[in-house]
PDB file of N, CA and C in Angstrom:
ATOM      1  N   MET A   1    -102.691 166.157 158.941  1.00  0.00           N
ATOM      2  CA  MET A   1    -103.346 166.280 160.234  1.00  0.00           C
ATOM      3  C   MET A   1    -104.539 165.323 160.332  1.00  0.00           C
ATOM      4  N   LEU A   2    -105.450 165.387 159.354  1.00  0.00           N
ATOM      5  CA  LEU A   2    -106.624 164.497 159.370  1.00  0.00           C
ATOM      6  C   LEU A   2    -106.198 163.046 159.177  1.00  0.00           C
ATOM      7  N   LYS A   3    -105.211 162.854 158.320  1.00  0.00           N
ATOM      8  CA  LYS A   3    -104.684 161.518 158.063  1.00  0.00           C
ATOM      9  C   LYS A   3    -104.122 160.922 159.359  1.00  0.00           C
ATOM     10  N   ASP A   4    -103.387 161.732 160.115  1.00  0.00           N
ATOM     11  CA  ASP A   4    -102.797 161.268 161.371  1.00  0.00           C
ATOM     12  C   ASP A   4    -103.870 160.899 162.393  1.00  0.00           C
ATOM     13  N   LEU A   5    -104.945 161.681 162.413  1.00  0.00           N
ATOM     14  CA  LEU A   5    -106.051 161.428 163.337  1.00  0.00           C
ATOM     15  C   LEU A   5    -106.685 160.063 163.066  1.00  0.00           C
ATOM     16  N   ILE A   6    -106.991 159.786 161.804  1.00  0.00           N
ATOM     17  CA  ILE A   6    -107.611 158.508 161.429  1.00  0.00           C
ATOM     18  C   ILE A   6    -106.647 157.352 161.697  1.00  0.00           C
ATOM     19  N   GLU A   7    -105.373 157.569 161.403  1.00  0.00           N
ATOM     20  CA  GLU A   7    -104.381 156.519 161.636  1.00  0.00           C
ATOM     21  C   GLU A   7    -104.279 156.186 163.126  1.00  0.00           C
ATOM     22  N   TYR A   8    -104.292 157.206 163.968  1.00  0.00           N
ATOM     23  CA  TYR A   8    -104.219 157.001 165.418  1.00  0.00           C
ATOM     24  C   TYR A   8    -105.428 156.204 165.925  1.00  0.00           C
ATOM     25  N   VAL A   9    -106.619 156.592 165.490  1.00  0.00           N
ATOM     26  CA  VAL A   9    -107.844 155.912 165.928  1.00  0.00           C
ATOM     27  C   VAL A   9    -107.832 154.457 165.443  1.00  0.00           C
ATOM     28  N   ALA A  10    -107.484 154.244 164.178  1.00  0.00           N
ATOM     29  CA  ALA A  10    -107.484 152.893 163.604  1.00  0.00           C
ATOM     30  C   ALA A  10    -106.470 151.997 164.308  1.00  0.00           C
ATOM     31  N   ARG A  11    -105.268 152.509 164.551  1.00  0.00           N
ATOM     32  CA  ARG A  11    -104.231 151.710 165.224  1.00  0.00           C
ATOM     33  C   ARG A  11    -104.663 151.322 166.639  1.00  0.00           C
ATOM     34  N   SER A  12    -105.440 152.190 167.283  1.00  0.00           N
ATOM     35  CA  SER A  12    -105.921 151.900 168.636  1.00  0.00           C
ATOM     36  C   SER A  12    -106.962 150.790 168.646  1.00  0.00           C
ATOM     37  N   LEU A  13    -107.680 150.624 167.536  1.00  0.00           N
ATOM     38  CA  LEU A  13    -108.776 149.648 167.475  1.00  0.00           C
ATOM     39  C   LEU A  13    -108.344 148.238 167.096  1.00  0.00           C
ATOM     40  N   VAL A  14    -107.333 148.114 166.267  1.00  0.00           N
ATOM     41  CA  VAL A  14    -107.018 146.823 165.654  1.00  0.00           C
ATOM     42  C   VAL A  14    -106.020 145.992 166.472  1.00  0.00           C
ATOM     43  N   ASP A  15    -105.941 144.692 166.149  1.00  0.00           N
ATOM     44  CA  ASP A  15    -104.984 143.786 166.785  1.00  0.00           C
ATOM     45  C   ASP A  15    -103.612 143.881 166.116  1.00  0.00           C
ATOM     46  N   ASN A  16    -103.596 144.242 164.844  1.00  0.00           N
ATOM     47  CA  ASN A  16    -102.354 144.301 164.072  1.00  0.00           C
ATOM     48  C   ASN A  16    -102.112 145.739 163.594  1.00  0.00           C
ATOM     49  N   PRO A  17    -101.616 146.626 164.478  1.00  0.00           N
ATOM     50  CA  PRO A  17    -101.471 148.040 164.115  1.00  0.00           C
ATOM     51  C   PRO A  17    -100.456 148.296 162.998  1.00  0.00           C
ATOM     52  N   ASP A  18     -99.509 147.364 162.797  1.00  0.00           N
ATOM     53  CA  ASP A  18     -98.510 147.561 161.734  1.00  0.00           C
ATOM     54  C   ASP A  18     -99.112 147.429 160.346  1.00  0.00           C
ATOM     55  N   ALA A  19    -100.259 146.767 160.235  1.00  0.00           N
ATOM     56  CA  ALA A  19    -100.906 146.577 158.940  1.00  0.00           C
ATOM     57  C   ALA A  19    -101.794 147.758 158.550  1.00  0.00           C
ATOM     58  N   VAL A  20    -101.932 148.741 159.431  1.00  0.00           N
ATOM     59  CA  VAL A  20    -102.774 149.907 159.148  1.00  0.00           C
ATOM     60  C   VAL A  20    -102.032 150.848 158.209  1.00  0.00           C
ATOM     61  N   SER A  21    -102.682 151.203 157.103  1.00  0.00           N
ATOM     62  CA  SER A  21    -102.100 152.215 156.224  1.00  0.00           C
ATOM     63  C   SER A  21    -103.185 153.221 155.853  1.00  0.00           C
ATOM     64  N   VAL A  22    -102.806 154.486 155.879  1.00  0.00           N
ATOM     65  CA  VAL A  22    -103.737 155.574 155.597  1.00  0.00           C
ATOM     66  C   VAL A  22    -103.125 156.432 154.513  1.00  0.00           C
ATOM     67  N   LYS A  23    -103.930 156.705 153.480  1.00  0.00           N
ATOM     68  CA  LYS A  23    -103.469 157.529 152.366  1.00  0.00           C
ATOM     69  C   LYS A  23    -104.455 158.666 152.178  1.00  0.00           C
ATOM     70  N   GLU A  24    -103.940 159.865 152.003  1.00  0.00           N
ATOM     71  CA  GLU A  24    -104.811 161.027 151.798  1.00  0.00           C
ATOM     72  C   GLU A  24    -104.673 161.500 150.367  1.00  0.00           C
ATOM     73  N   ILE A  25    -105.806 161.594 149.682  1.00  0.00           N
ATOM     74  CA  ILE A  25    -105.841 162.082 148.309  1.00  0.00           C
ATOM     75  C   ILE A  25    -106.526 163.440 148.333  1.00  0.00           C
ATOM     76  N   GLU A  26    -105.748 164.476 148.068  1.00  0.00           N
ATOM     77  CA  GLU A  26    -106.278 165.839 148.159  1.00  0.00           C
ATOM     78  C   GLU A  26    -106.883 166.261 146.830  1.00  0.00           C
ATOM     79  N   GLY A  27    -108.136 166.708 146.885  1.00  0.00           N
ATOM     80  CA  GLY A  27    -108.785 167.290 145.727  1.00  0.00           C
ATOM     81  C   GLY A  27    -108.873 168.791 145.925  1.00  0.00           C
ATOM     82  N   GLU A  28    -109.557 169.471 145.023  1.00  0.00           N
ATOM     83  CA  GLU A  28    -109.673 170.924 145.155  1.00  0.00           C
ATOM     84  C   GLU A  28    -110.514 171.312 146.364  1.00  0.00           C
ATOM     85  N   GLN A  29    -111.649 170.635 146.542  1.00  0.00           N
ATOM     86  CA  GLN A  29    -112.520 170.967 147.669  1.00  0.00           C
ATOM     87  C   GLN A  29    -112.634 169.842 148.683  1.00  0.00           C
ATOM     88  N   THR A  30    -112.400 168.622 148.231  1.00  0.00           N
ATOM     89  CA  THR A  30    -112.575 167.464 149.100  1.00  0.00           C
ATOM     90  C   THR A  30    -111.291 166.654 149.156  1.00  0.00           C
ATOM     91  N   SER A  31    -110.979 166.152 150.335  1.00  0.00           N
ATOM     92  CA  SER A  31    -109.871 165.204 150.413  1.00  0.00           C
ATOM     93  C   SER A  31    -110.439 163.854 150.835  1.00  0.00           C
ATOM     94  N   VAL A  32    -109.952 162.816 150.181  1.00  0.00           N
ATOM     95  CA  VAL A  32    -110.401 161.457 150.466  1.00  0.00           C
ATOM     96  C   VAL A  32    -109.315 160.774 151.296  1.00  0.00           C
ATOM     97  N   ILE A  33    -109.720 160.200 152.405  1.00  0.00           N
ATOM     98  CA  ILE A  33    -108.774 159.486 153.257  1.00  0.00           C
ATOM     99  C   ILE A  33    -109.095 158.004 153.148  1.00  0.00           C
ATOM    100  N   GLU A  34    -108.124 157.250 152.622  1.00  0.00           N
ATOM    101  CA  GLU A  34    -108.294 155.816 152.428  1.00  0.00           C
ATOM    102  C   GLU A  34    -107.630 155.068 153.576  1.00  0.00           C
ATOM    103  N   LEU A  35    -108.412 154.220 154.229  1.00  0.00           N
ATOM    104  CA  LEU A  35    -107.925 153.437 155.363  1.00  0.00           C
ATOM    105  C   LEU A  35    -107.890 151.968 154.967  1.00  0.00           C
ATOM    106  N   LYS A  36    -106.727 151.359 155.154  1.00  0.00           N
ATOM    107  CA  LYS A  36    -106.569 149.946 154.842  1.00  0.00           C
ATOM    108  C   LYS A  36    -106.056 149.232 156.087  1.00  0.00           C
ATOM    109  N   VAL A  37    -106.727 148.158 156.474  1.00  0.00           N
ATOM    110  CA  VAL A  37    -106.297 147.375 157.642  1.00  0.00           C
ATOM    111  C   VAL A  37    -106.198 145.907 157.242  1.00  0.00           C
ATOM    112  N   ALA A  38    -105.619 145.095 158.121  1.00  0.00           N
ATOM    113  CA  ALA A  38    -105.539 143.653 157.869  1.00  0.00           C
ATOM    114  C   ALA A  38    -106.947 143.078 157.771  1.00  0.00           C
ATOM    115  N   LYS A  39    -107.099 142.045 156.959  1.00  0.00           N
ATOM    116  CA  LYS A  39    -108.422 141.456 156.712  1.00  0.00           C
ATOM    117  C   LYS A  39    -109.141 141.047 157.999  1.00  0.00           C
ATOM    118  N   GLU A  40    -108.382 140.496 158.945  1.00  0.00           N
ATOM    119  CA  GLU A  40    -109.013 140.043 160.198  1.00  0.00           C
ATOM    120  C   GLU A  40    -109.416 141.207 161.104  1.00  0.00           C
ATOM    121  N   ASP A  41    -108.890 142.399 160.853  1.00  0.00           N
ATOM    122  CA  ASP A  41    -109.235 143.576 161.657  1.00  0.00           C
ATOM    123  C   ASP A  41    -110.341 144.427 161.046  1.00  0.00           C
ATOM    124  N   LEU A  42    -110.791 144.069 159.866  1.00  0.00           N
ATOM    125  CA  LEU A  42    -111.809 144.860 159.164  1.00  0.00           C
ATOM    126  C   LEU A  42    -113.077 145.010 159.996  1.00  0.00           C
ATOM    127  N   GLY A  43    -113.493 143.940 160.649  1.00  0.00           N
ATOM    128  CA  GLY A  43    -114.694 143.969 161.480  1.00  0.00           C
ATOM    129  C   GLY A  43    -114.571 144.924 162.667  1.00  0.00           C
ATOM    130  N   LYS A  44    -113.366 145.009 163.228  1.00  0.00           N
ATOM    131  CA  LYS A  44    -113.149 145.906 164.367  1.00  0.00           C
ATOM    132  C   LYS A  44    -113.259 147.368 163.947  1.00  0.00           C
ATOM    133  N   VAL A  45    -112.773 147.674 162.755  1.00  0.00           N
ATOM    134  CA  VAL A  45    -112.795 149.054 162.269  1.00  0.00           C
ATOM    135  C   VAL A  45    -114.212 149.459 161.856  1.00  0.00           C
ATOM    136  N   ILE A  46    -114.961 148.520 161.286  1.00  0.00           N
ATOM    137  CA  ILE A  46    -116.325 148.839 160.856  1.00  0.00           C
ATOM    138  C   ILE A  46    -117.275 148.812 162.051  1.00  0.00           C
ATOM    139  N   GLY A  47    -117.138 147.839 162.918  1.00  0.00           N
ATOM    140  CA  GLY A  47    -117.964 147.763 164.118  1.00  0.00           C
ATOM    141  C   GLY A  47    -119.327 147.166 163.836  1.00  0.00           C
ATOM    142  N   LYS A  48    -120.090 146.949 164.891  1.00  0.00           N
ATOM    143  CA  LYS A  48    -121.433 146.377 164.744  1.00  0.00           C
ATOM    144  C   LYS A  48    -122.327 147.362 164.021  1.00  0.00           C
ATOM    145  N   GLN A  49    -122.919 146.900 162.927  1.00  0.00           N
ATOM    146  CA  GLN A  49    -123.811 147.711 162.084  1.00  0.00           C
ATOM    147  C   GLN A  49    -123.147 149.013 161.636  1.00  0.00           C
ATOM    148  N   GLY A  50    -121.818 148.987 161.520  1.00  0.00           N
ATOM    149  CA  GLY A  50    -121.091 150.151 161.015  1.00  0.00           C
ATOM    150  C   GLY A  50    -120.955 151.297 162.002  1.00  0.00           C
ATOM    151  N   ARG A  51    -121.179 151.012 163.285  1.00  0.00           N
ATOM    152  CA  ARG A  51    -121.147 152.089 164.286  1.00  0.00           C
ATOM    153  C   ARG A  51    -119.770 152.715 164.438  1.00  0.00           C
ATOM    154  N   THR A  52    -118.728 151.889 164.473  1.00  0.00           N
ATOM    155  CA  THR A  52    -117.369 152.413 164.652  1.00  0.00           C
ATOM    156  C   THR A  52    -116.957 153.241 163.444  1.00  0.00           C
ATOM    157  N   ALA A  53    -117.259 152.742 162.240  1.00  0.00           N
ATOM    158  CA  ALA A  53    -116.939 153.482 161.022  1.00  0.00           C
ATOM    159  C   ALA A  53    -117.695 154.808 161.002  1.00  0.00           C
ATOM    160  N   ARG A  54    -118.948 154.794 161.419  1.00  0.00           N
ATOM    161  CA  ARG A  54    -119.745 156.023 161.454  1.00  0.00           C
ATOM    162  C   ARG A  54    -119.155 157.018 162.444  1.00  0.00           C
ATOM    163  N   ALA A  55    -118.693 156.513 163.598  1.00  0.00           N
ATOM    164  CA  ALA A  55    -118.083 157.380 164.613  1.00  0.00           C
ATOM    165  C   ALA A  55    -116.793 158.000 164.076  1.00  0.00           C
ATOM    166  N   MET A  56    -115.992 157.207 163.368  1.00  0.00           N
ATOM    167  CA  MET A  56    -114.754 157.738 162.786  1.00  0.00           C
ATOM    168  C   MET A  56    -115.066 158.804 161.742  1.00  0.00           C
ATOM    169  N   ARG A  57    -116.121 158.582 160.959  1.00  0.00           N
ATOM    170  CA  ARG A  57    -116.519 159.580 159.953  1.00  0.00           C
ATOM    171  C   ARG A  57    -117.015 160.869 160.618  1.00  0.00           C
ATOM    172  N   THR A  58    -117.699 160.729 161.760  1.00  0.00           N
ATOM    173  CA  THR A  58    -118.179 161.898 162.500  1.00  0.00           C
ATOM    174  C   THR A  58    -117.007 162.710 163.034  1.00  0.00           C
ATOM    175  N   ILE A  59    -116.021 162.024 163.608  1.00  0.00           N
ATOM    176  CA  ILE A  59    -114.825 162.701 164.115  1.00  0.00           C
ATOM    177  C   ILE A  59    -114.108 163.409 162.972  1.00  0.00           C
ATOM    178  N   LEU A  60    -113.965 162.714 161.853  1.00  0.00           N
ATOM    179  CA  LEU A  60    -113.300 163.286 160.682  1.00  0.00           C
ATOM    180  C   LEU A  60    -114.063 164.509 160.175  1.00  0.00           C
ATOM    181  N   GLY A  61    -115.380 164.398 160.147  1.00  0.00           N
ATOM    182  CA  GLY A  61    -116.213 165.519 159.699  1.00  0.00           C
ATOM    183  C   GLY A  61    -116.059 166.732 160.592  1.00  0.00           C
ATOM    184  N   ALA A  62    -116.022 166.509 161.896  1.00  0.00           N
ATOM    185  CA  ALA A  62    -115.866 167.618 162.844  1.00  0.00           C
ATOM    186  C   ALA A  62    -114.497 168.274 162.686  1.00  0.00           C
ATOM    187  N   ALA A  63    -113.463 167.461 162.558  1.00  0.00           N
ATOM    188  CA  ALA A  63    -112.107 168.002 162.406  1.00  0.00           C
ATOM    189  C   ALA A  63    -111.949 168.744 161.089  1.00  0.00           C
ATOM    190  N   SER A  64    -112.532 168.205 160.022  1.00  0.00           N
ATOM    191  CA  SER A  64    -112.379 168.860 158.724  1.00  0.00           C
ATOM    192  C   SER A  64    -113.205 170.143 158.641  1.00  0.00           C
ATOM    193  N   THR A  65    -114.337 170.197 159.339  1.00  0.00           N
ATOM    194  CA  THR A  65    -115.135 171.417 159.383  1.00  0.00           C
ATOM    195  C   THR A  65    -114.340 172.520 160.073  1.00  0.00           C
ATOM    196  N   LYS A  66    -113.645 172.142 161.118  1.00  0.00           N
ATOM    197  CA  LYS A  66    -112.822 173.105 161.850  1.00  0.00           C
ATOM    198  C   LYS A  66    -111.710 173.666 160.955  1.00  0.00           C
ATOM    199  N   MET A  67    -111.230 172.829 160.031  1.00  0.00           N
ATOM    200  CA  MET A  67    -110.170 173.251 159.104  1.00  0.00           C
ATOM    201  C   MET A  67    -110.738 173.840 157.813  1.00  0.00           C
ATOM    202  N   ARG A  68    -112.062 173.969 157.753  1.00  0.00           N
ATOM    203  CA  ARG A  68    -112.767 174.498 156.578  1.00  0.00           C
ATOM    204  C   ARG A  68    -112.472 173.686 155.312  1.00  0.00           C
ATOM    205  N   LYS A  69    -112.510 172.368 155.472  1.00  0.00           N
ATOM    206  CA  LYS A  69    -112.320 171.445 154.346  1.00  0.00           C
ATOM    207  C   LYS A  69    -113.441 170.425 154.381  1.00  0.00           C
ATOM    208  N   ARG A  70    -113.529 169.620 153.346  1.00  0.00           N
ATOM    209  CA  ARG A  70    -114.488 168.526 153.322  1.00  0.00           C
ATOM    210  C   ARG A  70    -113.679 167.248 153.150  1.00  0.00           C
ATOM    211  N   SER A  71    -113.934 166.269 153.998  1.00  0.00           N
ATOM    212  CA  SER A  71    -113.189 165.020 153.951  1.00  0.00           C
ATOM    213  C   SER A  71    -114.130 163.831 153.940  1.00  0.00           C
ATOM    214  N   VAL A  72    -113.693 162.796 153.247  1.00  0.00           N
ATOM    215  CA  VAL A  72    -114.465 161.559 153.146  1.00  0.00           C
ATOM    216  C   VAL A  72    -113.555 160.409 153.564  1.00  0.00           C
ATOM    217  N   LEU A  73    -114.078 159.508 154.382  1.00  0.00           N
ATOM    218  CA  LEU A  73    -113.318 158.336 154.814  1.00  0.00           C
ATOM    219  C   LEU A  73    -113.760 157.125 154.010  1.00  0.00           C
ATOM    220  N   GLU A  74    -112.800 156.489 153.347  1.00  0.00           N
ATOM    221  CA  GLU A  74    -113.064 155.257 152.605  1.00  0.00           C
ATOM    222  C   GLU A  74    -112.312 154.143 153.319  1.00  0.00           C
ATOM    223  N   ILE A  75    -113.033 153.080 153.660  1.00  0.00           N
ATOM    224  CA  ILE A  75    -112.379 151.919 154.277  1.00  0.00           C
ATOM    225  C   ILE A  75    -112.224 150.856 153.189  1.00  0.00           C
ATOM    226  N   LEU A  76    -110.987 150.563 152.832  1.00  0.00           N
ATOM    227  CA  LEU A  76    -110.708 149.630 151.743  1.00  0.00           C
ATOM    228  C   LEU A  76    -110.502 148.233 152.283  1.00  0.00           C
ATOM    229  N   GLU A  77    -110.887 147.248 151.466  1.00  0.00           N
ATOM    230  CA  GLU A  77    -110.680 145.846 151.856  1.00  0.00           C
ATOM    231  C   GLU A  77    -109.368 145.345 151.320  1.00  0.00           C
TER     232      GLU A  77
END
């Protein structure tokens, strides 16, 4: 569910949506969501001064709180 949310947002932002890959690593209390995009789209996902990445983390935090989980978004290069 959280993985799908991040994938949807990321695909909407980038020029090359086919290069978007999202992997969820579930831990006991925390799940890590790894987002990988094409090199030329990295700036779009991070945004000016990290605003877009921060907004995605806020959305993820709100959704995971609702599910009583803790999630972390990692943007990989």
